[in-house]
N, C-alpha and C. Protein backbone atom coordinates (compact mmCIF):
# COMPACT_ATOMS: atom_id res chain seq x y z
N MET A 1 1.33 5.02 22.23
CA MET A 1 2.28 4.95 23.32
C MET A 1 3.71 4.97 22.75
N HIS A 2 4.54 5.79 23.31
CA HIS A 2 5.92 5.96 22.86
C HIS A 2 6.84 5.12 23.75
N ASP A 3 7.72 4.33 23.13
CA ASP A 3 8.63 3.47 23.87
C ASP A 3 9.96 4.19 24.07
N ASP A 4 10.25 4.57 25.31
CA ASP A 4 11.49 5.27 25.63
C ASP A 4 12.48 4.36 26.35
N SER A 5 12.36 3.03 26.18
CA SER A 5 13.24 2.11 26.90
C SER A 5 14.70 2.34 26.55
N TYR A 6 14.99 2.80 25.32
CA TYR A 6 16.37 3.06 24.93
C TYR A 6 17.00 4.13 25.81
N ALA A 7 16.22 5.05 26.33
CA ALA A 7 16.76 6.13 27.15
C ALA A 7 17.22 5.62 28.51
N ASP A 8 16.64 4.51 28.98
CA ASP A 8 16.99 3.99 30.29
C ASP A 8 18.33 3.27 30.31
N ASP A 9 18.70 2.61 29.21
CA ASP A 9 19.93 1.83 29.22
C ASP A 9 21.16 2.62 28.79
N ARG A 10 20.97 3.77 28.21
CA ARG A 10 22.08 4.65 27.80
C ARG A 10 23.11 3.91 26.96
N ASP A 11 22.63 3.17 25.98
CA ASP A 11 23.49 2.35 25.13
C ASP A 11 24.19 3.17 24.05
N LEU A 12 23.63 4.30 23.68
CA LEU A 12 24.14 5.08 22.56
C LEU A 12 25.34 5.93 22.97
N LEU A 13 26.39 5.85 22.15
CA LEU A 13 27.58 6.68 22.32
C LEU A 13 27.65 7.65 21.15
N ILE A 14 27.79 8.93 21.43
CA ILE A 14 27.85 9.93 20.38
C ILE A 14 29.18 10.67 20.48
N GLY A 15 29.96 10.57 19.41
CA GLY A 15 31.24 11.27 19.34
C GLY A 15 32.42 10.35 19.63
N GLY A 16 33.54 10.70 19.03
CA GLY A 16 34.75 9.91 19.18
C GLY A 16 35.25 9.83 20.61
N THR A 17 35.10 10.90 21.37
CA THR A 17 35.56 10.91 22.76
C THR A 17 34.76 9.92 23.60
N ALA A 18 33.44 9.91 23.43
CA ALA A 18 32.59 8.99 24.18
C ALA A 18 32.91 7.54 23.82
N ILE A 19 33.14 7.29 22.54
CA ILE A 19 33.49 5.94 22.09
C ILE A 19 34.84 5.53 22.67
N CYS A 20 35.80 6.42 22.64
CA CYS A 20 37.13 6.16 23.18
C CYS A 20 37.05 5.88 24.69
N ASP A 21 36.32 6.69 25.42
CA ASP A 21 36.18 6.49 26.86
C ASP A 21 35.56 5.13 27.16
N PHE A 22 34.56 4.74 26.38
CA PHE A 22 33.90 3.46 26.60
C PHE A 22 34.87 2.30 26.31
N VAL A 23 35.58 2.36 25.20
CA VAL A 23 36.53 1.29 24.87
C VAL A 23 37.58 1.19 25.97
N ASN A 24 38.04 2.32 26.47
CA ASN A 24 39.03 2.30 27.56
C ASN A 24 38.47 1.68 28.83
N SER A 25 37.16 1.77 29.04
CA SER A 25 36.56 1.16 30.23
C SER A 25 36.55 -0.37 30.10
N LEU A 26 36.73 -0.89 28.88
CA LEU A 26 36.71 -2.33 28.64
C LEU A 26 38.10 -2.97 28.63
N VAL A 27 39.14 -2.16 28.48
CA VAL A 27 40.49 -2.72 28.33
C VAL A 27 41.34 -2.45 29.55
N ASP A 28 42.49 -3.08 29.57
CA ASP A 28 43.46 -2.93 30.66
C ASP A 28 43.91 -1.48 30.76
N SER A 29 43.84 -0.93 31.94
CA SER A 29 44.19 0.48 32.13
C SER A 29 45.68 0.76 31.91
N ASP A 30 46.50 -0.29 31.86
CA ASP A 30 47.94 -0.09 31.60
C ASP A 30 48.21 0.17 30.12
N SER A 31 47.22 -0.08 29.27
CA SER A 31 47.37 0.11 27.83
C SER A 31 46.22 0.94 27.28
N PRO A 32 46.16 2.22 27.65
CA PRO A 32 45.01 3.03 27.22
C PRO A 32 44.97 3.23 25.70
N ILE A 33 43.76 3.29 25.19
CA ILE A 33 43.50 3.54 23.78
C ILE A 33 43.34 5.04 23.61
N THR A 34 44.01 5.61 22.63
CA THR A 34 43.93 7.05 22.40
C THR A 34 42.82 7.36 21.40
N PRO A 35 42.31 8.58 21.41
CA PRO A 35 41.32 8.96 20.40
C PRO A 35 41.84 8.75 18.98
N LYS A 36 43.13 9.02 18.76
CA LYS A 36 43.70 8.83 17.42
C LYS A 36 43.60 7.36 17.00
N MET A 37 43.85 6.45 17.93
CA MET A 37 43.71 5.02 17.64
C MET A 37 42.26 4.67 17.32
N ILE A 38 41.33 5.21 18.09
CA ILE A 38 39.90 4.94 17.85
C ILE A 38 39.51 5.41 16.46
N TYR A 39 39.91 6.62 16.08
CA TYR A 39 39.56 7.13 14.74
C TYR A 39 40.15 6.23 13.65
N GLY A 40 41.35 5.73 13.87
CA GLY A 40 41.96 4.81 12.91
C GLY A 40 41.18 3.50 12.81
N TRP A 41 40.76 2.97 13.95
CA TRP A 41 39.97 1.73 13.96
C TRP A 41 38.65 1.93 13.23
N ILE A 42 38.03 3.08 13.45
CA ILE A 42 36.75 3.36 12.80
C ILE A 42 36.96 3.50 11.29
N GLU A 43 38.00 4.20 10.90
CA GLU A 43 38.29 4.38 9.48
C GLU A 43 38.51 3.05 8.77
N ARG A 44 39.17 2.13 9.47
CA ARG A 44 39.46 0.81 8.88
C ARG A 44 38.34 -0.20 9.16
N LYS A 45 37.24 0.29 9.73
CA LYS A 45 36.05 -0.52 10.02
C LYS A 45 36.34 -1.66 11.00
N HIS A 46 37.19 -1.39 11.98
CA HIS A 46 37.48 -2.36 13.03
C HIS A 46 36.50 -2.26 14.19
N LEU A 47 35.70 -1.21 14.20
CA LEU A 47 34.67 -1.03 15.23
C LEU A 47 33.32 -0.82 14.54
N PRO A 48 32.24 -1.37 15.13
CA PRO A 48 30.92 -1.19 14.55
C PRO A 48 30.35 0.19 14.88
N VAL A 49 30.86 1.19 14.22
CA VAL A 49 30.47 2.59 14.45
C VAL A 49 30.03 3.17 13.12
N ARG A 50 29.02 4.01 13.17
CA ARG A 50 28.49 4.66 11.96
C ARG A 50 28.53 6.18 12.14
N ARG A 51 28.27 6.84 11.07
CA ARG A 51 28.13 8.31 11.09
C ARG A 51 26.67 8.68 10.88
N ILE A 52 26.24 9.64 11.64
CA ILE A 52 24.97 10.32 11.39
C ILE A 52 25.37 11.76 11.13
N GLY A 53 25.34 12.14 9.87
CA GLY A 53 25.89 13.44 9.49
C GLY A 53 27.38 13.41 9.75
N SER A 54 27.86 14.37 10.50
CA SER A 54 29.29 14.42 10.81
C SER A 54 29.63 13.75 12.14
N ARG A 55 28.61 13.26 12.85
CA ARG A 55 28.83 12.68 14.18
C ARG A 55 29.04 11.18 14.12
N LEU A 56 29.99 10.69 14.89
CA LEU A 56 30.19 9.25 15.05
C LEU A 56 29.20 8.76 16.09
N VAL A 57 28.59 7.61 15.81
CA VAL A 57 27.60 7.04 16.71
C VAL A 57 27.88 5.55 16.85
N GLY A 58 27.88 5.07 18.08
CA GLY A 58 28.10 3.65 18.32
C GLY A 58 27.22 3.15 19.44
N SER A 59 27.07 1.85 19.51
CA SER A 59 26.29 1.18 20.54
C SER A 59 27.25 0.47 21.49
N LYS A 60 27.08 0.70 22.79
CA LYS A 60 27.91 0.01 23.77
C LYS A 60 27.78 -1.50 23.61
N THR A 61 26.57 -1.96 23.42
CA THR A 61 26.32 -3.40 23.28
C THR A 61 27.07 -3.98 22.10
N LYS A 62 26.99 -3.30 20.94
CA LYS A 62 27.64 -3.82 19.73
C LYS A 62 29.16 -3.73 19.84
N ILE A 63 29.68 -2.65 20.40
CA ILE A 63 31.13 -2.51 20.54
C ILE A 63 31.66 -3.57 21.50
N ARG A 64 30.97 -3.76 22.63
CA ARG A 64 31.39 -4.76 23.62
C ARG A 64 31.40 -6.16 22.98
N ALA A 65 30.34 -6.50 22.26
CA ALA A 65 30.26 -7.82 21.61
C ALA A 65 31.34 -7.99 20.56
N HIS A 66 31.59 -6.93 19.79
CA HIS A 66 32.60 -6.99 18.73
C HIS A 66 34.00 -7.21 19.31
N LEU A 67 34.34 -6.44 20.32
CA LEU A 67 35.66 -6.55 20.92
C LEU A 67 35.82 -7.85 21.70
N GLY A 68 34.73 -8.33 22.27
CA GLY A 68 34.76 -9.60 22.98
C GLY A 68 34.96 -10.79 22.06
N GLY A 69 34.57 -10.64 20.80
CA GLY A 69 34.68 -11.73 19.83
C GLY A 69 36.01 -11.78 19.13
N ILE A 70 36.88 -10.80 19.37
CA ILE A 70 38.20 -10.78 18.73
C ILE A 70 39.14 -11.68 19.51
N SER A 71 39.81 -12.58 18.81
CA SER A 71 40.77 -13.46 19.50
C SER A 71 42.16 -13.24 18.98
């Protein structure tokens, strides 16, 4: 039996644009985060994002928890 539960929650973000859009959904709309800022955060390891080949991949759950824990 194959477990496809991951497909139902759509937790996976693929690509810098998807990650940027998700982070913007979590923050105040008066201070939008740009893709350039996201790439800088990823480069400096401020976001829990990894690469699979050349693609950036992140988890909504992990990004939300990480940003929620920053004070």
